[in-house]
Amino acid sequence: MTEFTKHAQVNVATTTSPLATGLPHVVVNGPARLFGVYVNTVLSAHVQYVQDYNANSSPLVARTIATIPASAAAGAMYNFPGIEAEHQLRILSSSTAATGAITVIYKPGTSSSLGVSAP
């Protein structure tokens, strides 16, 4: 049976800067395709980064694959064409003082494992 696209609600107040004491919010620990971000609660004046994070590389590599603007309004929807995160899909805030909530729409797997071509 085909696995449907999943979603994960993220309270951005729980994310912190890279390599700080607190860790960014991990949406899925493994490869995934990003299809969208919905803003549930208005975001504070802090940018939210959607990243592909590779904890096994040296030095650590966090590649930003999408950006949600500061002060994004509740109800805003950001659609993406299935951007691939090869290692770990996570959300990182530009500040530890960030507030708001988002829902991340994704599907676990890579373009090859899902049988689709990369955008």
N, C-alpha and C. Protein backbone atom coordinates (compact mmCIF):
# COMPACT_ATOMS: atom_id res chain seq x y z
N MET A 1 0.84 -1.17 0.00
CA MET A 1 0.00 0.00 0.00
C MET A 1 0.89 1.24 0.00
N THR A 2 0.52 2.23 -0.77
CA THR A 2 1.29 3.46 -0.88
C THR A 2 1.19 4.28 0.40
N GLU A 3 2.35 4.78 0.86
CA GLU A 3 2.37 5.63 2.04
C GLU A 3 2.06 7.06 1.61
N PHE A 4 1.14 7.69 2.30
CA PHE A 4 0.74 9.04 1.95
C PHE A 4 1.70 10.06 2.55
N THR A 5 1.66 11.26 2.01
CA THR A 5 2.49 12.34 2.53
C THR A 5 2.13 12.59 3.98
N LYS A 6 3.13 12.84 4.81
CA LYS A 6 2.93 13.06 6.24
C LYS A 6 3.05 14.53 6.58
N HIS A 7 2.65 14.89 7.78
CA HIS A 7 2.84 16.26 8.26
C HIS A 7 3.34 16.20 9.69
N ALA A 8 4.01 17.25 10.10
CA ALA A 8 4.51 17.36 11.47
C ALA A 8 4.31 18.79 11.93
N GLN A 9 3.64 18.97 13.05
CA GLN A 9 3.46 20.31 13.59
C GLN A 9 4.67 20.67 14.44
N VAL A 10 5.18 21.89 14.23
CA VAL A 10 6.39 22.34 14.92
C VAL A 10 6.10 23.63 15.65
N ASN A 11 6.35 23.65 16.95
CA ASN A 11 6.28 24.88 17.72
C ASN A 11 7.65 25.52 17.60
N VAL A 12 7.76 26.62 16.85
CA VAL A 12 9.09 27.17 16.56
C VAL A 12 9.78 27.74 17.79
N ALA A 13 9.07 27.92 18.87
CA ALA A 13 9.70 28.39 20.10
C ALA A 13 10.65 27.33 20.67
N THR A 14 10.54 26.10 20.18
CA THR A 14 11.41 25.03 20.69
C THR A 14 12.71 24.90 19.90
N THR A 15 12.87 25.66 18.82
CA THR A 15 14.10 25.54 18.03
C THR A 15 15.14 26.55 18.51
N THR A 16 16.40 26.23 18.27
CA THR A 16 17.48 27.12 18.69
C THR A 16 18.53 27.21 17.60
N SER A 17 19.54 28.03 17.84
CA SER A 17 20.59 28.22 16.85
C SER A 17 21.44 26.96 16.71
N PRO A 18 22.17 26.83 15.58
CA PRO A 18 22.95 25.61 15.37
C PRO A 18 24.03 25.41 16.42
N LEU A 19 24.23 24.17 16.79
CA LEU A 19 25.28 23.76 17.73
C LEU A 19 25.12 24.39 19.11
N ALA A 20 23.94 24.90 19.44
CA ALA A 20 23.67 25.45 20.76
C ALA A 20 23.28 24.30 21.68
N THR A 21 23.02 24.61 22.95
CA THR A 21 22.65 23.59 23.92
C THR A 21 21.39 22.84 23.49
N GLY A 22 20.34 23.59 23.12
CA GLY A 22 19.13 22.97 22.60
C GLY A 22 19.32 22.67 21.13
N LEU A 23 18.65 21.65 20.63
CA LEU A 23 18.80 21.28 19.23
C LEU A 23 17.62 21.78 18.40
N PRO A 24 17.83 21.99 17.10
CA PRO A 24 16.72 22.34 16.21
C PRO A 24 15.67 21.23 16.22
N HIS A 25 14.49 21.54 15.74
CA HIS A 25 13.41 20.55 15.72
C HIS A 25 13.61 19.60 14.54
N VAL A 26 13.78 18.33 14.82
CA VAL A 26 13.93 17.32 13.77
C VAL A 26 12.53 16.88 13.34
N VAL A 27 12.23 17.05 12.06
CA VAL A 27 10.94 16.63 11.52
C VAL A 27 10.99 15.14 11.22
N VAL A 28 12.03 14.71 10.51
CA VAL A 28 12.23 13.29 10.23
C VAL A 28 13.73 13.02 10.19
N ASN A 29 14.15 11.98 10.91
CA ASN A 29 15.56 11.62 10.97
C ASN A 29 15.84 10.61 9.87
N GLY A 30 16.10 11.12 8.69
CA GLY A 30 16.33 10.30 7.51
C GLY A 30 15.92 11.09 6.28
N PRO A 31 16.12 10.53 5.11
CA PRO A 31 15.78 11.26 3.89
C PRO A 31 14.29 11.52 3.78
N ALA A 32 13.95 12.65 3.16
CA ALA A 32 12.54 13.02 3.00
C ALA A 32 12.42 14.04 1.87
N ARG A 33 11.20 14.20 1.38
CA ARG A 33 10.89 15.21 0.36
C ARG A 33 9.97 16.25 1.00
N LEU A 34 10.31 17.53 0.84
CA LEU A 34 9.53 18.64 1.41
C LEU A 34 8.52 19.14 0.38
N PHE A 35 7.24 19.13 0.77
CA PHE A 35 6.18 19.59 -0.13
C PHE A 35 5.52 20.89 0.31
N GLY A 36 5.63 21.24 1.59
CA GLY A 36 5.01 22.49 2.01
C GLY A 36 5.21 22.79 3.47
N VAL A 37 4.93 24.06 3.80
CA VAL A 37 4.93 24.53 5.18
C VAL A 37 3.71 25.42 5.34
N TYR A 38 2.88 25.09 6.32
CA TYR A 38 1.68 25.86 6.63
C TYR A 38 1.92 26.58 7.96
N VAL A 39 1.59 27.87 8.01
CA VAL A 39 1.78 28.64 9.24
C VAL A 39 0.48 28.56 10.06
N ASN A 40 0.54 27.85 11.19
CA ASN A 40 -0.62 27.69 12.07
C ASN A 40 -0.86 28.94 12.91
N THR A 41 0.22 29.46 13.49
CA THR A 41 0.17 30.63 14.37
C THR A 41 1.20 31.62 13.86
N VAL A 42 0.82 32.89 13.77
CA VAL A 42 1.72 33.92 13.23
C VAL A 42 3.13 33.77 13.81
N LEU A 43 4.13 33.91 12.93
CA LEU A 43 5.52 33.78 13.36
C LEU A 43 6.04 35.12 13.86
N SER A 44 6.94 35.06 14.80
CA SER A 44 7.59 36.27 15.30
C SER A 44 8.53 36.80 14.21
N ALA A 45 9.23 37.84 14.51
CA ALA A 45 10.11 38.49 13.53
C ALA A 45 11.43 37.73 13.36
N HIS A 46 11.32 36.42 13.18
CA HIS A 46 12.50 35.56 13.04
C HIS A 46 12.28 34.59 11.88
N VAL A 47 13.26 34.49 11.02
CA VAL A 47 13.21 33.58 9.87
C VAL A 47 13.27 32.14 10.36
N GLN A 48 12.54 31.25 9.67
CA GLN A 48 12.60 29.81 9.94
C GLN A 48 13.26 29.14 8.75
N TYR A 49 14.29 28.34 9.02
CA TYR A 49 15.02 27.64 7.97
C TYR A 49 14.63 26.17 7.97
N VAL A 50 14.30 25.65 6.79
CA VAL A 50 14.09 24.22 6.63
C VAL A 50 15.40 23.69 6.09
N GLN A 51 15.98 22.71 6.80
CA GLN A 51 17.33 22.27 6.46
C GLN A 51 17.43 20.77 6.25
N ASP A 52 18.42 20.42 5.42
CA ASP A 52 18.88 19.04 5.26
C ASP A 52 20.15 18.98 6.09
N TYR A 53 20.12 18.24 7.19
CA TYR A 53 21.23 18.22 8.14
C TYR A 53 21.94 16.89 8.08
N ASN A 54 23.26 16.92 7.97
CA ASN A 54 24.06 15.70 7.94
C ASN A 54 24.96 15.66 9.18
N ALA A 55 24.53 14.92 10.19
CA ALA A 55 25.28 14.82 11.45
C ALA A 55 26.52 13.93 11.31
N ASN A 56 26.61 13.17 10.22
CA ASN A 56 27.73 12.25 10.05
C ASN A 56 28.90 12.85 9.29
N SER A 57 28.76 14.09 8.83
CA SER A 57 29.86 14.70 8.09
C SER A 57 30.77 15.47 9.04
N SER A 58 31.96 15.71 8.59
CA SER A 58 32.89 16.50 9.39
C SER A 58 33.55 17.51 8.48
N PRO A 59 33.32 18.82 8.67
CA PRO A 59 32.49 19.38 9.74
C PRO A 59 31.01 19.11 9.48
N LEU A 60 30.18 19.34 10.49
CA LEU A 60 28.74 19.15 10.36
C LEU A 60 28.21 20.04 9.24
N VAL A 61 27.27 19.51 8.47
CA VAL A 61 26.73 20.26 7.34
C VAL A 61 25.22 20.40 7.50
N ALA A 62 24.74 21.65 7.44
CA ALA A 62 23.31 21.93 7.44
C ALA A 62 23.03 22.77 6.20
N ARG A 63 22.36 22.18 5.22
CA ARG A 63 22.06 22.86 3.97
C ARG A 63 20.62 23.37 4.02
N THR A 64 20.44 24.68 3.89
CA THR A 64 19.09 25.26 3.90
C THR A 64 18.43 24.98 2.56
N ILE A 65 17.26 24.31 2.60
CA ILE A 65 16.55 23.97 1.37
C ILE A 65 15.31 24.84 1.17
N ALA A 66 14.87 25.53 2.22
CA ALA A 66 13.73 26.45 2.10
C ALA A 66 13.78 27.42 3.27
N THR A 67 13.20 28.59 3.07
CA THR A 67 13.16 29.62 4.11
C THR A 67 11.73 30.11 4.26
N ILE A 68 11.27 30.19 5.49
CA ILE A 68 9.95 30.76 5.80
C ILE A 68 10.22 32.14 6.38
N PRO A 69 9.64 33.18 5.77
CA PRO A 69 9.98 34.55 6.18
C PRO A 69 9.53 34.90 7.59
N ALA A 70 10.26 35.83 8.17
CA ALA A 70 9.89 36.37 9.49
C ALA A 70 8.50 36.98 9.41
N SER A 71 7.78 36.90 10.51
CA SER A 71 6.44 37.50 10.64
C SER A 71 5.43 36.94 9.64
N ALA A 72 5.63 35.70 9.20
CA ALA A 72 4.66 35.07 8.29
C ALA A 72 3.30 34.98 8.98
N ALA A 73 2.26 35.31 8.24
CA ALA A 73 0.91 35.37 8.79
C ALA A 73 0.33 33.97 8.99
N ALA A 74 -0.51 33.84 10.01
CA ALA A 74 -1.24 32.59 10.23
C ALA A 74 -2.09 32.33 8.99
N GLY A 75 -2.12 31.08 8.55
CA GLY A 75 -2.88 30.72 7.36
C GLY A 75 -2.06 30.74 6.08
N ALA A 76 -0.83 31.27 6.14
CA ALA A 76 0.03 31.30 4.95
C ALA A 76 0.48 29.87 4.62
N MET A 77 0.51 29.57 3.33
CA MET A 77 0.95 28.26 2.87
C MET A 77 2.10 28.44 1.90
N TYR A 78 3.19 27.74 2.13
CA TYR A 78 4.36 27.77 1.26
C TYR A 78 4.50 26.39 0.64
N ASN A 79 4.30 26.31 -0.67
CA ASN A 79 4.35 25.03 -1.39
C ASN A 79 5.72 24.83 -2.02
N PHE A 80 6.18 23.59 -2.01
CA PHE A 80 7.46 23.24 -2.60
C PHE A 80 7.29 22.00 -3.48
N PRO A 81 8.16 21.85 -4.48
CA PRO A 81 7.98 20.76 -5.46
C PRO A 81 8.60 19.43 -5.03
N GLY A 82 8.64 19.14 -3.76
CA GLY A 82 9.26 17.89 -3.31
C GLY A 82 10.76 18.01 -3.20
N ILE A 83 11.22 19.08 -2.55
CA ILE A 83 12.66 19.30 -2.37
C ILE A 83 13.22 18.18 -1.50
N GLU A 84 14.32 17.61 -1.94
CA GLU A 84 14.87 16.45 -1.25
C GLU A 84 15.85 16.83 -0.14
N ALA A 85 15.61 16.28 1.04
CA ALA A 85 16.57 16.34 2.15
C ALA A 85 17.18 14.94 2.21
N GLU A 86 18.45 14.85 1.96
CA GLU A 86 19.09 13.53 1.85
C GLU A 86 19.36 12.85 3.19
N HIS A 87 19.50 13.65 4.27
CA HIS A 87 19.95 13.07 5.54
C HIS A 87 18.95 13.22 6.68
N GLN A 88 18.52 14.43 6.94
CA GLN A 88 17.59 14.70 8.05
C GLN A 88 16.86 16.00 7.74
N LEU A 89 15.55 15.99 7.85
CA LEU A 89 14.75 17.19 7.62
C LEU A 89 14.50 17.85 8.98
N ARG A 90 14.93 19.11 9.11
CA ARG A 90 14.78 19.79 10.38
C ARG A 90 14.40 21.25 10.17
N ILE A 91 13.89 21.87 11.24
CA ILE A 91 13.54 23.29 11.25
C ILE A 91 14.48 23.99 12.22
N LEU A 92 15.04 25.10 11.77
CA LEU A 92 15.93 25.90 12.60
C LEU A 92 15.47 27.34 12.57
N SER A 93 15.31 27.94 13.73
CA SER A 93 14.91 29.34 13.82
C SER A 93 16.15 30.22 13.83
N SER A 94 15.98 31.46 13.34
CA SER A 94 17.10 32.40 13.35
C SER A 94 17.34 32.98 14.74
N SER A 95 16.48 32.65 15.71
CA SER A 95 16.63 33.17 17.06
C SER A 95 16.03 32.22 18.07
N THR A 96 16.61 32.18 19.27
CA THR A 96 16.04 31.37 20.34
C THR A 96 14.78 32.02 20.90
N ALA A 97 14.50 33.28 20.51
CA ALA A 97 13.32 33.98 20.99
C ALA A 97 12.12 33.83 20.04
N ALA A 98 12.25 33.01 19.02
CA ALA A 98 11.19 32.86 18.02
C ALA A 98 9.93 32.25 18.63
N THR A 99 8.78 32.66 18.11
CA THR A 99 7.50 32.10 18.53
C THR A 99 6.65 31.84 17.29
N GLY A 100 5.62 31.03 17.46
CA GLY A 100 4.71 30.68 16.38
C GLY A 100 4.68 29.18 16.21
N ALA A 101 3.88 28.72 15.26
CA ALA A 101 3.78 27.29 14.99
C ALA A 101 3.58 27.07 13.50
N ILE A 102 4.20 26.02 12.98
CA ILE A 102 4.07 25.66 11.57
C ILE A 102 3.78 24.17 11.46
N THR A 103 3.22 23.78 10.33
CA THR A 103 3.06 22.38 9.99
C THR A 103 3.89 22.11 8.75
N VAL A 104 4.75 21.11 8.82
CA VAL A 104 5.63 20.75 7.71
C VAL A 104 5.01 19.56 6.99
N ILE A 105 4.83 19.69 5.67
CA ILE A 105 4.27 18.61 4.86
C ILE A 105 5.42 17.94 4.11
N TYR A 106 5.61 16.65 4.35
CA TYR A 106 6.75 15.94 3.78
C TYR A 106 6.39 14.49 3.51
N LYS A 107 7.25 13.82 2.79
CA LYS A 107 7.12 12.39 2.57
C LYS A 107 8.47 11.76 2.81
N PRO A 108 8.56 10.78 3.70
CA PRO A 108 9.84 10.12 3.96
C PRO A 108 10.35 9.40 2.71
N GLY A 109 11.65 9.43 2.50
CA GLY A 109 12.26 8.72 1.38
C GLY A 109 12.97 9.66 0.43
N THR A 110 13.71 9.09 -0.50
CA THR A 110 14.44 9.86 -1.51
C THR A 110 13.72 9.74 -2.84
N SER A 111 14.14 10.51 -3.82
CA SER A 111 13.52 10.45 -5.13
C SER A 111 13.63 9.04 -5.71
N SER A 112 14.76 8.38 -5.49
CA SER A 112 14.91 7.02 -6.03
C SER A 112 14.03 6.01 -5.28
N SER A 113 13.96 6.12 -3.95
CA SER A 113 13.13 5.16 -3.20
C SER A 113 11.65 5.41 -3.39
N LEU A 114 11.28 6.64 -3.74
CA LEU A 114 9.87 6.96 -3.99
C LEU A 114 9.49 6.76 -5.45
N GLY A 115 10.50 6.50 -6.29
CA GLY A 115 10.23 6.25 -7.70
C GLY A 115 9.80 7.49 -8.47
N VAL A 116 10.34 8.64 -8.09
CA VAL A 116 10.01 9.88 -8.79
C VAL A 116 11.30 10.57 -9.22
N SER A 117 11.19 11.46 -10.18
CA SER A 117 12.38 12.22 -10.58
C SER A 117 12.49 13.47 -9.72
N ALA A 118 13.71 13.87 -9.42
CA ALA A 118 13.97 15.07 -8.62
C ALA A 118 13.51 16.29 -9.40
N PRO A 119 12.96 17.30 -8.69
CA PRO A 119 12.50 18.51 -9.40
C PRO A 119 13.66 19.29 -9.97
